[in-house]
């Protein structure tokens, strides 16, 4: 049997009018029953029907699992540490004092690291809020609202980067007649443009170094460790460059956001990057498999760096000033190929010297 729906129609005008009234009643009831809170996602199909997927709220037990589990682990560890120190104190007060001092230092340093991570997370969320504010100001035609926001962002960046030269260019170009949109564009083209060039240099450095190390590394486990190390170091420097430095835990969360944005990238961006990432049969035929892995790792780290720039930059990129992967891919390729040439040249010279010695 066919799965296609069967449509019943009638030539009688009375039946047709009744069907029209029923159809309108169903559509009207569907509109009245639709929620206004935005808790449902609407999936539009090609027909007049709409599929709605309800988002179920997490239960209280699921929300309390990780906090309660963490509190249990901390309490158990603290109790065991207290028992351990007291037992050592009963044996020797000097040994107990030393171990207790080490434990107290570990607790204090851990609390300090948690506080730093909490502050860094708040600053990153504040940066995302600043991006939304700049986007709304760019879309409108307002006056006098952007200077305070720009000064706030400048003060955050100036804690880690010397902005005296870039800020002077911005002060020279801005005028009192400029509205918020024009001031933001000037700020982006002067101060943030200089930071973008520094960020591209950081990404290029880490991408080329990672590509070269992976191309020379004989172990897969070493490759994974190199990628994790260089990507984490790059994210740390980029976040510090844009005034929202992250701790180790913050870099882990930012890495998740970076990969999420990479997976949710638009189809046009993926198609544009495909020609850059896929190096072609002619290239893979002339270089070794390990070198191709190194180039692939370098391109991956470069993409991570560009996504980190988009997350940390106060003013979102426009269509014209958006950095492209091709700016970094060429440097990665030249670094790996040049390294392979130097290695092959050194091997050939050694082989030649050994042959001459035999003669």
Protein backbone atom coordinates (compact mmCIF):
# COMPACT_ATOMS: atom_id res chain seq x y z
CA UNK A 1 0.00 0.00 0.00
CA UNK A 2 1.13 3.52 -0.66
CA UNK A 3 2.19 5.74 2.19
CA UNK A 4 0.90 8.89 0.48
CA UNK A 5 -2.01 10.61 2.19
CA UNK A 6 -5.42 10.27 0.52
CA UNK A 7 -7.24 13.48 -0.17
CA UNK A 8 -11.04 13.40 -0.11
CA UNK A 9 -12.77 16.07 -2.13
CA UNK A 10 -16.32 16.73 -3.05
CA UNK A 11 -17.90 18.54 -5.91
CA UNK A 12 -20.76 19.69 -3.72
CA UNK A 13 -20.42 23.40 -2.83
CA UNK A 14 -21.90 22.83 0.61
CA UNK A 15 -19.31 20.17 1.41
CA UNK A 16 -16.48 22.35 0.10
CA UNK A 17 -17.55 25.30 2.24
CA UNK A 18 -17.75 23.02 5.27
CA UNK A 19 -14.23 21.75 4.62
CA UNK A 20 -12.94 25.31 4.34
CA UNK A 21 -14.53 26.25 7.67
CA UNK A 22 -13.05 23.18 9.36
CA UNK A 23 -9.57 23.95 7.94
CA UNK A 24 -9.70 27.55 9.16
CA UNK A 25 -10.90 26.40 12.59
CA UNK A 26 -7.98 23.96 12.89
CA UNK A 27 -5.42 26.59 11.87
CA UNK A 28 -6.89 29.11 14.29
CA UNK A 29 -6.86 26.63 17.17
CA UNK A 30 -3.22 25.78 16.37
CA UNK A 31 -2.27 29.46 16.62
CA UNK A 32 -4.12 29.86 19.91
CA UNK A 33 -2.43 26.80 21.41
CA UNK A 34 1.07 27.90 20.35
CA UNK A 35 3.15 28.99 23.38
CA UNK A 36 4.41 32.54 23.69
CA UNK A 37 7.28 31.77 26.05
CA UNK A 38 9.57 30.46 23.31
CA UNK A 39 10.09 27.10 25.03
CA UNK A 40 9.35 25.18 21.82
CA UNK A 41 11.38 24.95 18.66
CA UNK A 42 9.47 25.08 15.38
CA UNK A 43 10.70 23.00 12.48
CA UNK A 44 9.18 24.28 9.24
CA UNK A 45 8.60 21.74 6.53
CA UNK A 46 7.67 22.32 2.95
CA UNK A 47 3.95 21.90 3.67
CA UNK A 48 1.61 24.04 5.70
CA UNK A 49 2.14 21.86 8.78
CA UNK A 50 4.73 22.70 11.45
CA UNK A 51 6.53 20.22 13.68
CA UNK A 52 7.10 21.37 17.23
CA UNK A 53 9.68 19.80 19.56
CA UNK A 54 9.15 20.52 23.21
CA UNK A 55 12.20 21.21 25.31
CA UNK A 56 11.82 19.40 28.58
CA UNK A 57 13.18 21.17 31.60
CA UNK A 58 15.76 19.28 33.62
CA UNK A 59 14.47 17.80 36.84
CA UNK A 60 15.68 19.02 40.20
CA UNK A 61 17.50 15.74 40.84
CA UNK A 62 19.56 16.10 37.65
CA UNK A 63 20.44 19.69 38.52
CA UNK A 64 21.55 18.71 42.02
CA UNK A 65 23.64 15.70 40.96
CA UNK A 66 26.96 17.40 40.14
CA UNK A 67 26.89 19.92 43.04
CA UNK A 68 26.00 17.21 45.55
CA UNK A 69 28.53 14.77 44.08
CA UNK A 70 31.29 17.41 44.18
CA UNK A 71 30.41 18.34 47.77
CA UNK A 72 30.52 14.65 48.75
CA UNK A 73 33.96 14.15 47.18
CA UNK A 74 35.37 17.29 48.82
CA UNK A 75 33.94 16.33 52.22
CA UNK A 76 35.26 12.78 52.02
CA UNK A 77 38.71 13.97 50.92
CA UNK A 78 38.80 16.57 53.69
CA UNK A 79 37.82 14.01 56.33
CA UNK A 80 40.44 11.54 55.13
CA UNK A 81 43.09 14.28 55.10
CA UNK A 82 42.16 15.30 58.64
CA UNK A 83 42.43 11.70 59.87
CA UNK A 84 45.77 11.32 58.12
CA UNK A 85 47.21 14.50 59.67
CA UNK A 86 45.95 13.64 63.17
CA UNK A 87 47.49 10.15 62.97
CA UNK A 88 50.81 11.66 61.93
CA UNK A 89 50.54 14.21 64.74
CA UNK A 90 50.10 11.41 67.28
CA UNK A 91 53.24 9.75 66.00
CA UNK A 92 55.36 12.89 65.61
CA UNK A 93 54.22 16.47 66.06
CA UNK A 94 56.92 17.71 63.68
CA UNK A 95 55.81 15.36 60.90
CA UNK A 96 52.17 16.21 61.49
CA UNK A 97 52.93 19.95 61.41
CA UNK A 98 54.81 19.64 58.12
CA UNK A 99 52.10 17.60 56.40
CA UNK A 100 49.38 19.87 57.80
CA UNK A 101 51.21 22.92 56.46
CA UNK A 102 51.44 21.34 53.00
CA UNK A 103 47.74 20.48 53.09
CA UNK A 104 46.79 24.01 54.14
CA UNK A 105 48.94 25.45 51.34
CA UNK A 106 47.22 23.13 48.84
CA UNK A 107 43.76 24.18 50.06
CA UNK A 108 44.61 27.90 49.95
CA UNK A 109 46.15 27.70 46.46
CA UNK A 110 43.20 25.66 45.20
CA UNK A 111 40.72 28.22 46.59
CA UNK A 112 42.72 31.02 44.99
CA UNK A 113 42.68 29.21 41.64
CA UNK A 114 38.90 28.71 41.88
CA UNK A 115 38.38 32.40 42.64
CA UNK A 116 40.57 33.38 39.67
CA UNK A 117 38.66 31.00 37.42
CA UNK A 118 35.33 32.42 38.61
CA UNK A 119 36.49 35.97 37.88
CA UNK A 120 37.81 34.96 34.45
CA UNK A 121 34.51 33.29 33.63
CA UNK A 122 32.60 36.41 34.65
CA UNK A 123 34.84 38.55 32.47
CA UNK A 124 34.28 36.26 29.49
CA UNK A 125 30.52 36.45 29.98
CA UNK A 126 30.85 40.22 30.26
CA UNK A 127 32.74 40.22 26.94
CA UNK A 128 29.87 38.34 25.29
CA UNK A 129 27.46 40.92 26.71
CA UNK A 130 29.66 43.71 25.29
CA UNK A 131 29.51 42.05 21.86
CA UNK A 132 25.72 42.11 21.99
CA UNK A 133 25.73 45.78 23.03
CA UNK A 134 28.10 46.73 20.21
CA UNK A 135 25.96 44.81 17.72
CA UNK A 136 22.80 46.61 18.82
CA UNK A 137 24.53 50.00 18.63
CA UNK A 138 25.85 49.22 15.16
CA UNK A 139 22.32 48.42 13.99
CA UNK A 140 20.84 51.69 15.28
CA UNK A 141 21.40 55.42 14.81
CA UNK A 142 22.10 56.58 18.36
CA UNK A 143 24.45 59.13 19.88
CA UNK A 144 26.51 59.19 23.08
CA UNK A 145 26.11 55.56 24.17
CA UNK A 146 29.26 54.02 22.70
CA UNK A 147 32.06 56.10 24.38
CA UNK A 148 31.48 54.64 27.86
CA UNK A 149 31.37 51.11 26.44
CA UNK A 150 34.54 51.68 24.42
CA UNK A 151 36.34 53.10 27.46
CA UNK A 152 35.32 50.05 29.52
CA UNK A 153 36.66 47.64 26.92
CA UNK A 154 39.83 49.72 26.49
CA UNK A 155 40.54 49.63 30.20
CA UNK A 156 40.21 45.83 30.23
CA UNK A 157 42.56 45.40 27.28
CA UNK A 158 45.05 47.99 28.58
CA UNK A 159 45.68 45.79 31.65
CA UNK A 160 47.53 43.33 29.41
CA UNK A 161 48.52 45.22 26.22
CA UNK A 162 50.06 48.65 25.63
CA UNK A 163 47.40 50.54 23.63
CA UNK A 164 48.97 53.99 23.70
CA UNK A 165 49.78 54.11 19.98
CA UNK A 166 46.50 52.57 18.83
CA UNK A 167 44.42 54.72 21.18
CA UNK A 168 46.07 57.89 19.90
CA UNK A 169 45.01 57.02 16.34
CA UNK A 170 41.46 56.52 17.54
CA UNK A 171 41.44 59.84 19.40
CA UNK A 172 42.72 61.65 16.31
CA UNK A 173 40.06 60.26 13.98
CA UNK A 174 36.94 60.53 16.15
CA UNK A 175 34.84 63.70 16.06
CA UNK A 176 31.93 64.99 18.09
CA UNK A 177 29.62 64.77 15.08
CA UNK A 178 30.10 60.99 14.81
CA UNK A 179 27.26 58.80 15.97
CA UNK A 180 27.69 55.52 17.84
CA UNK A 181 27.91 53.41 14.70
CA UNK A 182 30.66 55.59 13.22
CA UNK A 183 32.62 55.67 16.49
CA UNK A 184 32.50 51.88 16.76
CA UNK A 185 33.69 51.54 13.16
CA UNK A 186 36.59 53.91 13.85
CA UNK A 187 37.48 52.05 17.05
CA UNK A 188 37.38 48.74 15.19
CA UNK A 189 39.53 50.00 12.32
CA UNK A 190 42.19 51.55 14.59
CA UNK A 191 42.51 49.84 17.98
CA UNK A 192 40.99 46.45 17.27
CA UNK A 193 42.58 46.22 13.83
CA UNK A 194 46.02 46.50 15.46
CA UNK A 195 45.08 43.78 17.96
CA UNK A 196 43.84 41.60 15.10
CA UNK A 197 47.25 41.76 13.42
CA UNK A 198 48.93 40.72 16.66
CA UNK A 199 46.41 37.89 17.05
CA UNK A 200 47.08 36.65 13.50
CA UNK A 201 50.80 36.59 14.31
CA UNK A 202 50.12 34.54 17.46
CA UNK A 203 47.92 32.07 15.55
CA UNK A 204 50.45 31.74 12.74
CA UNK A 205 53.27 31.09 15.21
CA UNK A 206 51.44 28.36 17.11
CA UNK A 207 49.99 26.76 13.99
CA UNK A 208 53.33 26.57 12.20
CA UNK A 209 55.15 25.29 15.29
CA UNK A 210 52.52 22.60 15.90
CA UNK A 211 52.60 21.56 12.24
CA UNK A 212 56.39 21.28 12.28
CA UNK A 213 56.48 19.30 15.53
CA UNK A 214 53.76 16.88 14.40
CA UNK A 215 55.54 16.40 11.06
CA UNK A 216 58.72 15.38 12.92
CA UNK A 217 57.12 13.45 15.79
CA UNK A 218 57.18 9.65 15.39
CA UNK A 219 54.51 8.92 18.03
CA UNK A 220 50.74 9.46 17.78
CA UNK A 221 50.46 10.07 21.52
CA UNK A 222 53.09 12.79 21.25
CA UNK A 223 51.08 14.37 18.42
CA UNK A 224 47.98 14.57 20.62
CA UNK A 225 49.95 16.06 23.49
CA UNK A 226 51.53 18.65 21.18
CA UNK A 227 48.15 19.68 19.75
CA UNK A 228 46.61 20.04 23.23
CA UNK A 229 49.60 22.01 24.52
CA UNK A 230 49.90 24.44 21.60
CA UNK A 231 46.15 25.03 21.30
CA UNK A 232 45.80 25.73 25.03
CA UNK A 233 48.76 28.11 24.95
CA UNK A 234 47.33 29.88 21.90
CA UNK A 235 43.91 30.34 23.51
CA UNK A 236 45.57 31.72 26.64
CA UNK A 237 47.53 34.32 24.67
CA UNK A 238 44.59 35.34 22.46
CA UNK A 239 42.22 35.78 25.39
CA UNK A 240 44.85 37.85 27.21
CA UNK A 241 45.42 39.94 24.08
CA UNK A 242 41.73 40.93 23.91
CA UNK A 243 41.47 41.67 27.62
CA UNK A 244 39.64 38.57 28.91
CA UNK A 245 42.40 36.18 30.12
CA UNK A 246 41.33 32.67 31.05
CA UNK A 247 42.66 30.18 33.56
CA UNK A 248 43.14 26.47 32.81
CA UNK A 249 39.48 25.68 33.54
CA UNK A 250 38.34 28.73 31.60
CA UNK A 251 40.46 27.69 28.62
CA UNK A 252 38.82 24.28 28.69
CA UNK A 253 35.35 25.85 28.57
CA UNK A 254 36.47 28.25 25.86
CA UNK A 255 37.81 25.32 23.85
CA UNK A 256 34.38 23.71 24.02
CA UNK A 257 32.82 26.95 22.78
CA UNK A 258 35.37 27.15 19.97
CA UNK A 259 34.62 23.63 18.76
CA UNK A 260 30.90 24.29 19.06
CA UNK A 261 31.19 27.37 16.85
CA UNK A 262 33.34 25.43 14.39
CA UNK A 263 30.69 22.72 14.11
CA UNK A 264 27.90 25.28 13.78
CA UNK A 265 29.73 27.29 11.12
CA UNK A 266 27.69 28.21 8.10
CA UNK A 267 27.78 26.17 4.94
CA UNK A 268 29.30 29.03 2.96
CA UNK A 269 32.20 29.34 5.41
CA UNK A 270 32.83 25.60 5.33
CA UNK A 271 32.82 25.59 1.54
CA UNK A 272 35.23 28.52 1.49
CA UNK A 273 37.57 26.77 3.93
CA UNK A 274 37.33 23.44 2.12
CA UNK A 275 39.51 24.65 -0.71
CA UNK A 276 42.11 25.72 1.82
CA UNK A 277 42.08 22.65 4.02
CA UNK A 278 41.98 20.05 1.27
CA UNK A 279 45.44 20.42 -0.17
CA UNK A 280 44.75 18.37 -3.26
CA UNK A 281 46.18 15.24 -4.81
CA UNK A 282 49.23 17.00 -6.25
CA UNK A 283 50.38 18.11 -2.80
CA UNK A 284 49.77 14.79 -1.04
CA UNK A 285 51.63 13.06 -3.84
CA UNK A 286 54.77 15.13 -3.27
CA UNK A 287 54.96 15.09 0.53
CA UNK A 288 54.95 12.29 3.06
CA UNK A 289 51.93 11.20 5.08
CA UNK A 290 53.47 12.57 8.28
CA UNK A 291 53.98 15.96 6.68
CA UNK A 292 50.37 15.95 5.52
CA UNK A 293 49.30 15.22 9.10
CA UNK A 294 51.40 18.14 10.30
CA UNK A 295 49.80 20.50 7.79
CA UNK A 296 46.34 19.25 8.78
CA UNK A 297 47.08 19.85 12.46
CA UNK A 298 48.39 23.33 11.68
CA UNK A 299 45.21 24.20 9.77
CA UNK A 300 43.08 22.84 12.62
CA UNK A 301 44.87 24.99 15.20
CA UNK A 302 44.57 27.98 12.87
CA UNK A 303 40.81 27.49 12.67
CA UNK A 304 40.64 27.23 16.46
CA UNK A 305 42.57 30.48 16.73
CA UNK A 306 40.24 32.31 14.34
CA UNK A 307 37.19 31.12 16.27
CA UNK A 308 38.83 32.25 19.52
CA UNK A 309 39.33 35.69 17.97
CA UNK A 310 35.61 35.83 17.15
CA UNK A 311 34.71 34.89 20.72
CA UNK A 312 37.07 37.35 22.43
CA UNK A 313 36.91 40.34 20.10
CA UNK A 314 34.70 43.08 21.62
CA UNK A 315 33.25 44.23 18.28
CA UNK A 316 32.13 41.38 15.99
CA UNK A 317 33.87 41.12 12.65
CA UNK A 318 32.23 42.60 9.58
CA UNK A 319 32.06 41.02 6.16
CA UNK A 320 35.11 42.91 4.92
CA UNK A 321 37.48 42.69 7.91
CA UNK A 322 36.86 39.03 8.80
CA UNK A 323 40.19 37.12 8.91
CA UNK A 324 40.55 34.25 6.48
CA UNK A 325 42.23 30.91 6.87
CA UNK A 326 44.28 31.44 3.73
CA UNK A 327 46.35 34.07 5.52
CA UNK A 328 47.78 31.39 7.81
CA UNK A 329 47.64 28.27 5.62
CA UNK A 330 50.43 29.50 3.35
CA UNK A 331 52.78 30.03 6.29
CA UNK A 332 52.00 26.57 7.67
CA UNK A 333 52.67 24.93 4.30
CA UNK A 334 55.93 26.82 3.73
CA UNK A 335 57.17 25.97 7.24
CA UNK A 336 56.53 22.23 6.89
CA UNK A 337 57.82 21.95 3.32
CA UNK A 338 60.93 23.98 4.15
CA UNK A 339 61.57 21.81 7.19
CA UNK A 340 61.24 18.65 5.11
CA UNK A 341 63.61 20.03 2.49
CA UNK A 342 66.21 20.87 5.12
CA UNK A 343 65.90 17.42 6.70
CA UNK A 344 66.17 15.65 3.33
CA UNK A 345 69.15 17.84 2.37
CA UNK A 346 70.88 17.00 5.64
CA UNK A 347 70.28 13.28 5.13
CA UNK A 348 71.63 13.40 1.58
CA UNK A 349 74.75 15.23 2.74
CA UNK A 350 75.34 12.69 5.50
CA UNK A 351 74.91 9.85 3.01
CA UNK A 352 77.32 11.51 0.62
CA UNK A 353 79.91 12.00 3.38
CA UNK A 354 79.61 8.36 4.45
CA UNK A 355 80.13 7.20 0.87
CA UNK A 356 83.20 9.43 0.53
CA UNK A 357 84.65 8.02 3.73
CA UNK A 358 84.17 4.48 2.47
CA UNK A 359 86.03 5.35 -0.71
